[in-house]
Amino acid sequence: MYETLTMYERSFPAIGERFFKRSAWPTPEEVSAHANGDATFKMLYGEMYYRHLHQATTPTAEERRGAWENYAALFEALATGEANMQLPNLWLYDMVDEFVYQYQSFAQFKGSPKRTPEEVSAIKALDAKVWNQAGVVSLLKLLVEKSGIVQVLARERAGEISFAANEGYSATSSNVLPTLGYCAQIGLCRLHVLAGEYEDALAALDAIDLDKDGLFKKISGAYVTTAYHAGFSYFMLGRYTDAIRHLNEGIQYIDRLKFGAARPHALPLLLKRQDQMYALTAIIMALVPGQQHSVDESVSLGLHQKYSAKMNRMAEGSVAVFDELFSYCCPKFIGDGDNQSAYTAQYTAFLEVVAAHAIIPKLRGYFEMYASIKVDKLAALLEVSVDDLKASFKAFEEGYTVKEWRGGASALDGESTYCGDMRIVLEGDVVRTEEVKRAKSAKEFLSRVNKKLETSLEDLASAKPLLLKTSAFVG
């Protein structure tokens, strides 16, 4: 197992960088001849072959078809057969992540207006099932169903077993299908976000307890992907406190990875994702100001260093900055043959939210100058009628009222709460604000400090053994 993990993490990337930087690896057919034609070996090698092909070259339509067929055969074989081997969890997660990425890449290739006539013809010649969204979803759901992972995680949540304690490994059975099923749930979440289906994205994660130290927190890519896509889903659903909670954790996690990344070649992608999460957090801070208490001090400092000027411009109503940051931090949406329309639909929905929240920073600006002010005077300053101003007070209250997760089996659960740090009070013809005081919980503070300490100790500790007894496993 250790040897496999080392080869996967270090040896193969090094060989690819040295000998195949801009070209394909030897084909699966060529290599399988040296492995006695083993079908499982050929499919596993094919998974890495097509992944490298997407990284080093621009695959043709025919090569994309080959990648689809290899993934379909591999996942169906692993879901329906007996996998008598152990594989590193990192590789298993990367399989699912790359599968979703290659679907996204094909959708962008298919919908690109820059395709040549030859490429258009090649795409039309492909079977309609190749990288079809329904087929991608079906394969991921097959892994979830056949692995029985939902039932396993239900037992873990009930305290009967601890799937995460051994990271899915077992001395008596293969980890392949259970871990693939687990990771497929994260893949489904990502897939639904690409389609703009945010409630479905969060529902895909229902079996995973996102607030506990599950398996996804032990695989860097899985943790970051979950934090980003759950955060973005909550953001688009207007659940800003829940979005900040996940983005805050994701940003801190990547900060820790900077100093001990086992895969330095993957670090630039993680840093870009971190910056996207910072940008998304900046947008939320501009839409519902006063959320500084929700982020860690290190995140608050990073946010100030990166986006303070743009946050100020957004507070002043600069739609151009909202546009810039949204287009940077959002995923590459996929539509039914028209990806630009898919983006436009999500962007339009976002702008409607920006317009609805525009009154919040305006009113806050005046309330920071006036302890109290007559309604007609404030209306004159804002150049609106008194009736419109009173409607704005209602919009202020509604803008700060969000649904917030307070525990529950589903990520979609939640209760209505007011997340602002001030409230508008109308007394006759005078309006004033009152501070919303948040109760300081010693239990929450100590829990947060304890969690930070545990995380730091885990980061400093030497690598824990993946297996207690490597000789007990085949492969």
Protein backbone atom coordinates (compact mmCIF):
# COMPACT_ATOMS: atom_id res chain seq x y z
CA MET A 1 0.00 0.00 0.00
CA TYR A 2 2.75 2.45 0.93
CA GLU A 3 4.59 1.59 -2.25
CA THR A 4 1.45 2.15 -4.33
CA LEU A 5 0.79 5.49 -2.63
CA THR A 6 4.38 6.62 -3.16
CA MET A 7 4.30 5.68 -6.82
CA TYR A 8 0.95 7.41 -7.28
CA GLU A 9 1.92 10.61 -5.43
CA ARG A 10 5.51 10.98 -6.54
CA SER A 11 6.90 8.48 -9.04
CA PHE A 12 4.28 8.66 -11.78
CA PRO A 13 4.02 12.49 -11.74
CA ALA A 14 7.83 12.70 -11.87
CA ILE A 15 8.04 10.28 -14.82
CA GLY A 16 5.27 12.14 -16.61
CA GLU A 17 6.98 15.49 -16.06
CA ARG A 18 10.34 14.20 -17.24
CA PHE A 19 9.45 12.08 -20.26
CA PHE A 20 5.86 12.96 -21.26
CA LYS A 21 5.46 16.63 -20.39
CA ARG A 22 3.68 17.50 -23.64
CA SER A 23 2.79 14.06 -24.96
CA ALA A 24 0.68 11.04 -24.08
CA TRP A 25 1.83 8.07 -22.04
CA PRO A 26 2.03 4.66 -23.75
CA THR A 27 -1.52 3.50 -24.49
CA PRO A 28 -3.35 1.06 -22.19
CA GLU A 29 -3.21 -1.57 -24.95
CA GLU A 30 0.58 -1.27 -25.19
CA VAL A 31 1.09 -1.48 -21.43
CA SER A 32 -1.42 -4.26 -20.70
CA ALA A 33 0.63 -6.60 -22.87
CA HIS A 34 3.26 -6.44 -20.10
CA ALA A 35 0.69 -7.30 -17.42
CA ASN A 36 -0.62 -10.54 -18.91
CA GLY A 37 -3.64 -8.68 -20.28
CA ASP A 38 -5.11 -8.14 -16.79
CA ALA A 39 -8.40 -6.29 -17.40
CA THR A 40 -8.50 -4.49 -14.05
CA PHE A 41 -4.89 -3.36 -14.40
CA LYS A 42 -5.63 -2.08 -17.91
CA MET A 43 -8.62 -0.01 -16.71
CA LEU A 44 -6.72 1.42 -13.73
CA TYR A 45 -3.77 2.34 -15.94
CA GLY A 46 -6.25 3.75 -18.48
CA GLU A 47 -7.69 6.03 -15.79
CA MET A 48 -4.24 7.57 -15.22
CA TYR A 49 -3.44 7.55 -18.94
CA TYR A 50 -6.49 9.62 -19.89
CA ARG A 51 -6.00 11.92 -16.92
CA HIS A 52 -2.45 12.72 -18.05
CA LEU A 53 -3.73 13.13 -21.61
CA HIS A 54 -6.14 15.86 -20.43
CA GLN A 55 -3.36 17.57 -18.50
CA ALA A 56 -0.62 17.46 -21.14
CA THR A 57 -2.59 17.82 -24.40
CA THR A 58 -5.95 18.87 -25.82
CA PRO A 59 -7.73 15.53 -26.33
CA THR A 60 -9.56 14.83 -29.56
CA ALA A 61 -13.22 13.82 -29.61
CA GLU A 62 -12.14 10.20 -30.13
CA GLU A 63 -9.77 10.31 -27.14
CA ARG A 64 -12.55 11.77 -24.99
CA ARG A 65 -14.73 8.86 -26.08
CA GLY A 66 -11.99 6.46 -25.01
CA ALA A 67 -11.79 8.14 -21.59
CA TRP A 68 -15.57 7.84 -21.13
CA GLU A 69 -15.62 4.17 -22.06
CA ASN A 70 -12.72 3.41 -19.73
CA TYR A 71 -14.38 5.15 -16.77
CA ALA A 72 -17.72 3.46 -17.49
CA ALA A 73 -16.08 0.03 -17.66
CA LEU A 74 -13.95 0.66 -14.57
CA PHE A 75 -16.75 1.95 -12.34
CA GLU A 76 -19.18 -0.76 -13.44
CA ALA A 77 -16.56 -3.45 -12.82
CA LEU A 78 -15.71 -2.12 -9.36
CA ALA A 79 -19.38 -1.63 -8.46
CA THR A 80 -20.54 -5.06 -9.50
CA GLY A 81 -17.49 -7.25 -8.93
CA GLU A 82 -15.29 -8.22 -6.04
CA ALA A 83 -12.30 -5.88 -5.80
CA ASN A 84 -9.66 -7.99 -4.01
CA MET A 85 -7.23 -5.11 -3.52
CA GLN A 86 -6.50 -2.03 -1.47
CA LEU A 87 -5.90 1.30 -3.19
CA PRO A 88 -4.90 4.63 -1.64
CA ASN A 89 -7.90 6.76 -0.76
CA LEU A 90 -6.22 9.66 -2.50
CA TRP A 91 -6.28 7.83 -5.83
CA LEU A 92 -9.88 6.73 -5.35
CA TYR A 93 -10.98 10.30 -4.68
CA ASP A 94 -8.98 11.57 -7.65
CA MET A 95 -10.73 9.02 -9.88
CA VAL A 96 -14.13 10.51 -9.05
CA ASP A 97 -12.88 14.09 -9.18
CA GLU A 98 -11.21 13.56 -12.57
CA PHE A 99 -14.34 11.81 -13.88
CA VAL A 100 -16.44 14.91 -13.11
CA TYR A 101 -13.71 17.19 -14.47
CA GLN A 102 -13.54 15.32 -17.78
CA TYR A 103 -17.32 15.54 -18.11
CA GLN A 104 -17.05 19.30 -17.52
CA SER A 105 -14.17 19.53 -20.00
CA PHE A 106 -16.17 17.66 -22.66
CA ALA A 107 -19.22 19.90 -22.12
CA GLN A 108 -17.05 23.00 -22.59
CA PHE A 109 -15.37 21.47 -25.65
CA LYS A 110 -18.74 20.55 -27.13
CA GLY A 111 -20.23 23.99 -26.48
CA SER A 112 -17.21 26.04 -27.56
CA PRO A 113 -17.85 28.43 -30.49
CA LYS A 114 -14.18 28.04 -31.47
CA ARG A 115 -14.47 24.44 -32.63
CA THR A 116 -13.23 23.61 -36.11
CA PRO A 117 -15.58 22.00 -38.67
CA GLU A 118 -13.64 18.75 -38.21
CA GLU A 119 -14.20 18.83 -34.44
CA VAL A 120 -17.90 19.53 -34.92
CA SER A 121 -18.18 16.51 -37.21
CA ALA A 122 -16.21 14.33 -34.79
CA ILE A 123 -18.51 15.27 -31.90
CA LYS A 124 -21.63 14.56 -33.96
CA ALA A 125 -20.22 11.13 -34.81
CA LEU A 126 -19.97 10.17 -31.14
CA ASP A 127 -22.59 8.08 -29.44
CA ALA A 128 -25.09 10.29 -27.56
CA LYS A 129 -24.23 8.42 -24.34
CA VAL A 130 -20.61 9.64 -24.38
CA TRP A 131 -20.20 12.11 -21.48
CA ASN A 132 -23.95 12.53 -21.27
CA GLN A 133 -24.99 14.18 -17.97
CA ALA A 134 -27.56 11.49 -17.20
CA GLY A 135 -24.92 8.81 -17.77
CA VAL A 136 -22.40 10.56 -15.51
CA VAL A 137 -24.98 10.91 -12.74
CA SER A 138 -26.03 7.28 -13.19
CA LEU A 139 -22.47 5.96 -12.76
CA LEU A 140 -21.88 8.03 -9.62
CA LYS A 141 -25.19 6.91 -8.13
CA LEU A 142 -24.29 3.31 -9.00
CA LEU A 143 -21.13 3.61 -6.89
CA VAL A 144 -23.09 5.11 -3.99
CA GLU A 145 -25.79 2.42 -4.15
CA LYS A 146 -23.58 -0.64 -4.62
CA SER A 147 -21.10 0.45 -1.95
CA GLY A 148 -23.80 0.66 0.73
CA ILE A 149 -21.97 3.74 2.00
CA VAL A 150 -25.17 5.60 2.97
CA GLN A 151 -26.05 2.81 5.40
CA VAL A 152 -22.47 2.68 6.69
CA LEU A 153 -22.46 6.43 7.38
CA ALA A 154 -25.87 6.20 9.06
CA ARG A 155 -24.43 3.65 11.47
CA GLU A 156 -21.41 5.88 12.02
CA ARG A 157 -23.66 8.85 12.80
CA ALA A 158 -25.58 6.67 15.27
CA GLY A 159 -22.29 5.80 17.02
CA GLU A 160 -22.36 2.11 16.13
CA ILE A 161 -19.14 2.14 14.05
CA SER A 162 -16.43 4.59 13.02
CA PHE A 163 -15.81 4.46 9.29
CA ALA A 164 -13.49 7.49 9.43
CA ALA A 165 -11.30 6.17 12.25
CA ASN A 166 -9.53 3.69 9.95
CA GLU A 167 -10.08 5.93 6.91
CA GLY A 168 -12.18 3.23 5.27
CA TYR A 169 -9.42 0.61 5.38
CA SER A 170 -10.06 -2.87 6.75
CA ALA A 171 -7.90 -5.91 7.36
CA THR A 172 -10.64 -8.21 6.05
CA SER A 173 -12.08 -6.43 3.02
CA SER A 174 -11.23 -4.06 0.20
CA ASN A 175 -11.53 -0.32 0.71
CA VAL A 176 -12.11 0.37 -2.99
CA LEU A 177 -15.90 0.30 -3.36
CA PRO A 178 -16.80 1.89 0.02
CA THR A 179 -14.38 4.76 -0.57
CA LEU A 180 -15.48 5.23 -4.19
CA GLY A 181 -19.09 5.36 -3.01
CA TYR A 182 -18.17 7.91 -0.36
CA CYS A 183 -16.30 10.10 -2.86
CA ALA A 184 -19.09 9.74 -5.45
CA GLN A 185 -21.35 11.72 -3.12
CA ILE A 186 -18.90 14.62 -3.29
CA GLY A 187 -18.72 14.19 -7.06
CA LEU A 188 -22.53 14.41 -7.28
CA CYS A 189 -22.47 17.59 -5.21
CA ARG A 190 -19.98 19.15 -7.60
CA LEU A 191 -21.96 17.98 -10.63
CA HIS A 192 -25.18 19.56 -9.37
CA VAL A 193 -23.39 22.85 -8.67
CA LEU A 194 -22.13 22.92 -12.27
CA ALA A 195 -25.76 22.57 -13.38
CA GLY A 196 -26.97 25.29 -10.98
CA GLU A 197 -28.94 22.77 -8.89
CA TYR A 198 -27.94 23.95 -5.42
CA GLU A 199 -30.48 22.15 -3.26
CA ASP A 200 -29.66 18.88 -5.05
CA ALA A 201 -25.96 19.60 -4.48
CA LEU A 202 -26.42 19.89 -0.72
CA ALA A 203 -28.80 16.92 -0.62
CA ALA A 204 -26.09 14.79 -2.27
CA LEU A 205 -24.00 15.31 0.89
CA ASP A 206 -26.76 14.38 3.35
CA ALA A 207 -25.17 11.08 4.34
CA ILE A 208 -21.89 12.83 5.21
CA ASP A 209 -21.76 14.63 8.55
CA LEU A 210 -20.03 17.81 7.37
CA ASP A 211 -19.37 19.07 10.89
CA LYS A 212 -17.52 15.97 12.05
CA ASP A 213 -14.06 14.67 11.17
CA GLY A 214 -15.16 12.38 8.38
CA LEU A 215 -13.11 10.74 5.66
CA PHE A 216 -13.41 13.81 3.41
CA LYS A 217 -11.32 15.80 5.90
CA LYS A 218 -8.46 13.32 5.52
CA ILE A 219 -8.15 13.82 1.74
CA SER A 220 -7.07 17.34 0.87
CA GLY A 221 -8.84 17.53 -2.48
CA ALA A 222 -12.08 16.16 -1.04
CA TYR A 223 -12.06 18.64 1.86
CA VAL A 224 -11.43 21.66 -0.37
CA THR A 225 -13.96 20.55 -3.00
CA THR A 226 -16.63 20.00 -0.35
CA ALA A 227 -15.96 23.32 1.38
CA TYR A 228 -16.07 25.28 -1.89
CA HIS A 229 -19.13 23.63 -3.44
CA ALA A 230 -21.15 23.51 -0.20
CA GLY A 231 -20.19 27.14 0.43
CA PHE A 232 -21.15 28.22 -3.08
CA SER A 233 -24.46 26.33 -2.89
CA TYR A 234 -25.38 27.99 0.39
CA PHE A 235 -24.35 31.36 -1.08
CA MET A 236 -26.63 31.01 -4.12
CA LEU A 237 -29.48 29.91 -1.81
CA GLY A 238 -29.03 33.08 0.25
CA ARG A 239 -27.83 31.17 3.33
CA TYR A 240 -24.88 33.44 3.96
CA THR A 241 -23.89 32.36 7.48
CA ASP A 242 -23.75 28.71 6.40
CA ALA A 243 -21.72 29.70 3.33
CA ILE A 244 -19.21 31.63 5.47
CA ARG A 245 -18.87 28.68 7.85
CA HIS A 246 -17.76 26.31 5.08
CA LEU A 247 -15.62 28.86 3.23
CA ASN A 248 -13.88 29.86 6.46
CA GLU A 249 -12.96 26.22 7.18
CA GLY A 250 -11.78 25.63 3.61
CA ILE A 251 -9.53 28.71 3.61
CA GLN A 252 -7.93 27.74 6.94
CA TYR A 253 -7.38 24.17 5.76
CA ILE A 254 -5.48 25.31 2.67
CA ASP A 255 -3.37 27.62 4.84
CA ARG A 256 -2.21 24.57 6.78
CA LEU A 257 -1.45 22.66 3.57
CA LYS A 258 0.92 25.38 2.33
CA PHE A 259 3.58 24.28 4.78
CA GLY A 260 3.34 20.52 4.44
CA ALA A 261 1.94 19.66 1.04
CA ALA A 262 2.80 16.08 0.11
CA ARG A 263 1.95 16.88 -3.52
CA PRO A 264 3.58 20.24 -4.28
CA HIS A 265 2.43 20.04 -7.93
CA ALA A 266 -1.20 20.24 -6.69
CA LEU A 267 -0.61 23.28 -4.47
CA PRO A 268 -1.15 25.99 -7.17
CA LEU A 269 -4.65 24.64 -7.85
CA LEU A 270 -5.45 24.63 -4.14
CA LEU A 271 -4.19 28.20 -3.77
CA LYS A 272 -6.38 29.34 -6.65
CA ARG A 273 -9.38 27.66 -5.03
CA GLN A 274 -8.52 29.39 -1.77
CA ASP A 275 -8.46 32.76 -3.50
CA GLN A 276 -11.85 31.99 -5.05
CA MET A 277 -13.20 31.25 -1.57
CA TYR A 278 -11.76 34.55 -0.35
CA ALA A 279 -13.49 36.35 -3.25
CA LEU A 280 -16.80 34.66 -2.46
CA THR A 281 -16.45 35.60 1.21
CA ALA A 282 -15.75 39.21 0.17
CA ILE A 283 -18.99 39.28 -1.82
CA ILE A 284 -20.94 37.99 1.18
CA MET A 285 -19.34 40.61 3.44
CA ALA A 286 -20.45 43.29 0.98
CA LEU A 287 -24.01 41.94 0.69
CA VAL A 288 -24.56 41.48 4.44
CA PRO A 289 -21.96 43.64 6.27
CA GLY A 290 -21.12 42.93 9.87
CA GLN A 291 -20.18 39.24 9.60
CA GLN A 292 -16.57 39.62 10.80
CA HIS A 293 -17.37 37.60 13.91
CA SER A 294 -18.09 34.59 11.68
CA VAL A 295 -14.57 34.21 10.31
CA ASP A 296 -11.28 33.29 11.94
CA GLU A 297 -8.82 36.10 12.63
CA SER A 298 -6.37 34.74 10.05
CA VAL A 299 -9.13 34.65 7.42
CA SER A 300 -10.22 38.18 8.33
CA LEU A 301 -6.63 39.39 7.91
CA GLY A 302 -6.25 37.65 4.55
CA LEU A 303 -9.58 39.06 3.40
CA HIS A 304 -8.47 42.57 4.31
CA GLN A 305 -5.13 42.18 2.52
CA LYS A 306 -6.65 40.76 -0.65
CA TYR A 307 -10.02 42.39 -1.07
CA SER A 308 -10.51 45.39 1.26
CA ALA A 309 -10.47 47.92 -1.60
CA LYS A 310 -12.94 45.90 -3.66
CA MET A 311 -15.19 45.33 -0.66
CA ASN A 312 -15.35 49.10 -0.18
CA ARG A 313 -16.26 49.58 -3.84
CA MET A 314 -18.97 46.94 -3.61
CA ALA A 315 -20.34 48.71 -0.53
CA GLU A 316 -20.55 51.84 -2.67
CA GLY A 317 -22.66 49.91 -5.19
CA SER A 318 -20.07 49.11 -7.87
CA VAL A 319 -21.76 46.42 -9.97
CA ALA A 320 -18.54 46.08 -12.00
CA VAL A 321 -16.70 44.73 -8.95
CA PHE A 322 -19.53 42.33 -8.11
CA ASP A 323 -19.34 41.18 -11.73
CA GLU A 324 -15.57 40.74 -11.63
CA LEU A 325 -15.51 38.74 -8.40
CA PHE A 326 -18.51 36.56 -9.24
CA SER A 327 -17.11 35.59 -12.64
CA TYR A 328 -13.79 34.76 -10.94
CA CYS A 329 -15.08 32.72 -8.01
CA CYS A 330 -18.03 30.88 -9.59
CA PRO A 331 -17.64 27.41 -11.16
CA LYS A 332 -17.70 26.92 -14.93
CA PHE A 333 -21.40 26.26 -15.32
CA ILE A 334 -22.65 23.71 -17.81
CA GLY A 335 -25.83 24.08 -19.83
CA ASP A 336 -27.66 21.93 -22.33
CA GLY A 337 -25.35 22.66 -25.25
CA ASP A 338 -24.99 26.34 -24.34
CA ASN A 339 -22.63 26.98 -21.44
CA GLN A 340 -22.72 30.77 -21.82
CA SER A 341 -26.49 30.77 -21.28
CA ALA A 342 -25.98 28.65 -18.16
CA TYR A 343 -23.56 31.23 -16.78
CA THR A 344 -25.85 34.12 -17.74
CA ALA A 345 -28.78 32.53 -15.89
CA GLN A 346 -26.75 32.20 -12.68
CA TYR A 347 -25.24 35.67 -13.07
CA THR A 348 -28.67 37.23 -13.59
CA ALA A 349 -29.96 35.57 -10.42
CA PHE A 350 -26.90 36.88 -8.57
CA LEU A 351 -27.46 40.45 -9.81
CA GLU A 352 -31.05 40.33 -8.56
CA VAL A 353 -29.69 39.56 -5.08
CA VAL A 354 -27.14 42.40 -5.38
CA ALA A 355 -29.95 44.83 -6.29
CA ALA A 356 -32.12 43.62 -3.39
CA HIS A 357 -29.25 44.13 -0.90
CA ALA A 358 -28.04 47.47 -2.31
CA ILE A 359 -29.97 49.45 0.31
CA ILE A 360 -28.15 47.78 3.23
CA PRO A 361 -24.74 49.51 2.93
CA LYS A 362 -26.46 52.84 2.09
CA LEU A 363 -28.56 52.79 5.24
CA ARG A 364 -25.66 51.57 7.36
CA GLY A 365 -23.58 54.51 6.13
CA TYR A 366 -26.13 57.02 7.42
CA PHE A 367 -26.80 55.17 10.67
CA GLU A 368 -23.07 55.23 11.43
CA MET A 369 -23.26 59.05 11.24
CA TYR A 370 -26.59 59.56 13.03
CA ALA A 371 -27.60 57.96 16.32
CA SER A 372 -31.17 58.87 15.34
CA ILE A 373 -32.67 60.87 12.48
CA LYS A 374 -36.07 61.99 11.33
CA VAL A 375 -37.58 59.84 8.64
CA ASP A 376 -38.28 62.71 6.26
CA LYS A 377 -34.72 64.02 6.61
CA LEU A 378 -33.23 60.59 5.85
CA ALA A 379 -35.59 60.27 2.89
CA ALA A 380 -34.35 63.61 1.58
CA LEU A 381 -30.72 62.56 1.98
CA LEU A 382 -31.39 59.34 0.08
CA GLU A 383 -33.55 61.21 -2.46
CA VAL A 384 -36.52 58.85 -2.05
CA SER A 385 -40.07 59.23 -0.78
CA VAL A 386 -40.94 58.45 2.84
CA ASP A 387 -43.00 55.44 1.73
CA ASP A 388 -40.08 54.11 -0.32
CA LEU A 389 -37.77 54.64 2.64
CA LYS A 390 -40.03 52.63 4.93
CA ALA A 391 -40.07 49.88 2.31
CA SER A 392 -36.26 50.03 2.42
CA PHE A 393 -36.35 49.44 6.18
CA LYS A 394 -38.27 46.24 5.49
CA ALA A 395 -35.78 45.25 2.78
CA PHE A 396 -32.95 45.86 5.29
CA GLU A 397 -34.57 43.46 7.76
CA GLU A 398 -35.28 40.85 5.09
CA GLY A 399 -31.74 41.08 3.70
CA TYR A 400 -30.31 40.08 7.07
CA THR A 401 -32.83 37.29 7.71
CA VAL A 402 -31.40 33.98 6.56
CA LYS A 403 -31.92 30.28 7.03
CA GLU A 404 -29.12 28.81 9.15
CA TRP A 405 -28.14 25.22 9.85
CA ARG A 406 -28.36 24.47 13.58
CA GLY A 407 -27.86 20.73 13.41
CA GLY A 408 -29.84 18.02 11.69
CA ALA A 409 -29.43 15.10 9.34
CA SER A 410 -29.62 17.19 6.16
CA ALA A 411 -27.47 20.09 5.01
CA LEU A 412 -30.74 21.66 3.84
CA ASP A 413 -32.13 21.78 7.39
CA GLY A 414 -32.12 25.12 9.14
CA GLU A 415 -33.94 27.81 11.10
CA SER A 416 -34.71 31.41 10.22
CA THR A 417 -32.33 33.81 11.99
CA TYR A 418 -31.29 37.46 11.88
CA CYS A 419 -27.58 37.70 11.08
CA GLY A 420 -27.10 41.49 11.17
CA ASP A 421 -25.21 43.42 13.82
CA MET A 422 -27.79 46.25 13.97
CA ARG A 423 -31.58 46.59 13.75
CA ILE A 424 -33.67 49.51 12.56
CA VAL A 425 -36.18 50.87 15.08
CA LEU A 426 -38.92 53.22 13.87
CA GLU A 427 -40.46 55.41 16.60
CA GLY A 428 -43.02 57.80 15.19
CA ASP A 429 -41.25 60.10 12.75
CA VAL A 430 -37.79 59.22 14.09
CA VAL A 431 -35.67 56.24 13.13
CA ARG A 432 -32.71 54.86 15.04
CA THR A 433 -30.73 51.64 15.25
CA GLU A 434 -29.97 49.30 18.09
CA GLU A 435 -27.00 46.99 18.31
CA VAL A 436 -27.62 43.27 18.08
CA LYS A 437 -25.58 41.79 20.89
CA ARG A 438 -24.43 38.25 20.41
CA ALA A 439 -24.20 36.10 23.49
CA LYS A 440 -20.64 34.96 24.05
CA SER A 441 -20.55 31.27 24.77
CA ALA A 442 -17.58 30.02 26.77
CA LYS A 443 -18.40 26.51 25.55
CA GLU A 444 -18.18 27.57 21.90
CA PHE A 445 -14.95 29.50 22.52
CA LEU A 446 -13.26 26.60 24.29
CA SER A 447 -14.50 24.17 21.66
CA ARG A 448 -13.00 26.36 18.91
CA VAL A 449 -9.66 26.65 20.75
CA ASN A 450 -9.59 22.92 21.42
CA LYS A 451 -10.31 22.14 17.77
CA LYS A 452 -7.47 24.43 16.66
CA LEU A 453 -5.10 22.73 19.11
CA GLU A 454 -6.08 19.26 17.90
CA THR A 455 -5.60 20.32 14.28
CA SER A 456 -2.18 21.80 15.03
CA LEU A 457 -1.06 18.66 16.85
CA GLU A 458 -2.27 16.50 13.97
CA ASP A 459 -0.36 18.68 11.48
CA LEU A 460 2.81 18.40 13.56
CA ALA A 461 2.53 14.67 14.16
CA SER A 462 4.29 12.23 11.89
CA ALA A 463 2.18 10.47 9.25
CA LYS A 464 -0.13 7.90 10.76
CA PRO A 465 0.09 4.39 9.30
CA LEU A 466 -2.54 3.66 6.69
CA LEU A 467 -2.72 0.04 7.70
CA LEU A 468 -1.89 -1.85 10.84
CA LYS A 469 -0.56 -4.82 8.97
CA THR A 470 0.30 -4.46 5.32
CA SER A 471 0.80 -8.19 4.84
CA ALA A 472 -2.93 -8.73 5.40
CA PHE A 473 -3.85 -7.14 2.12
CA VAL A 474 -3.75 -8.24 -1.46
CA GLY A 475 -2.50 -5.80 -4.10
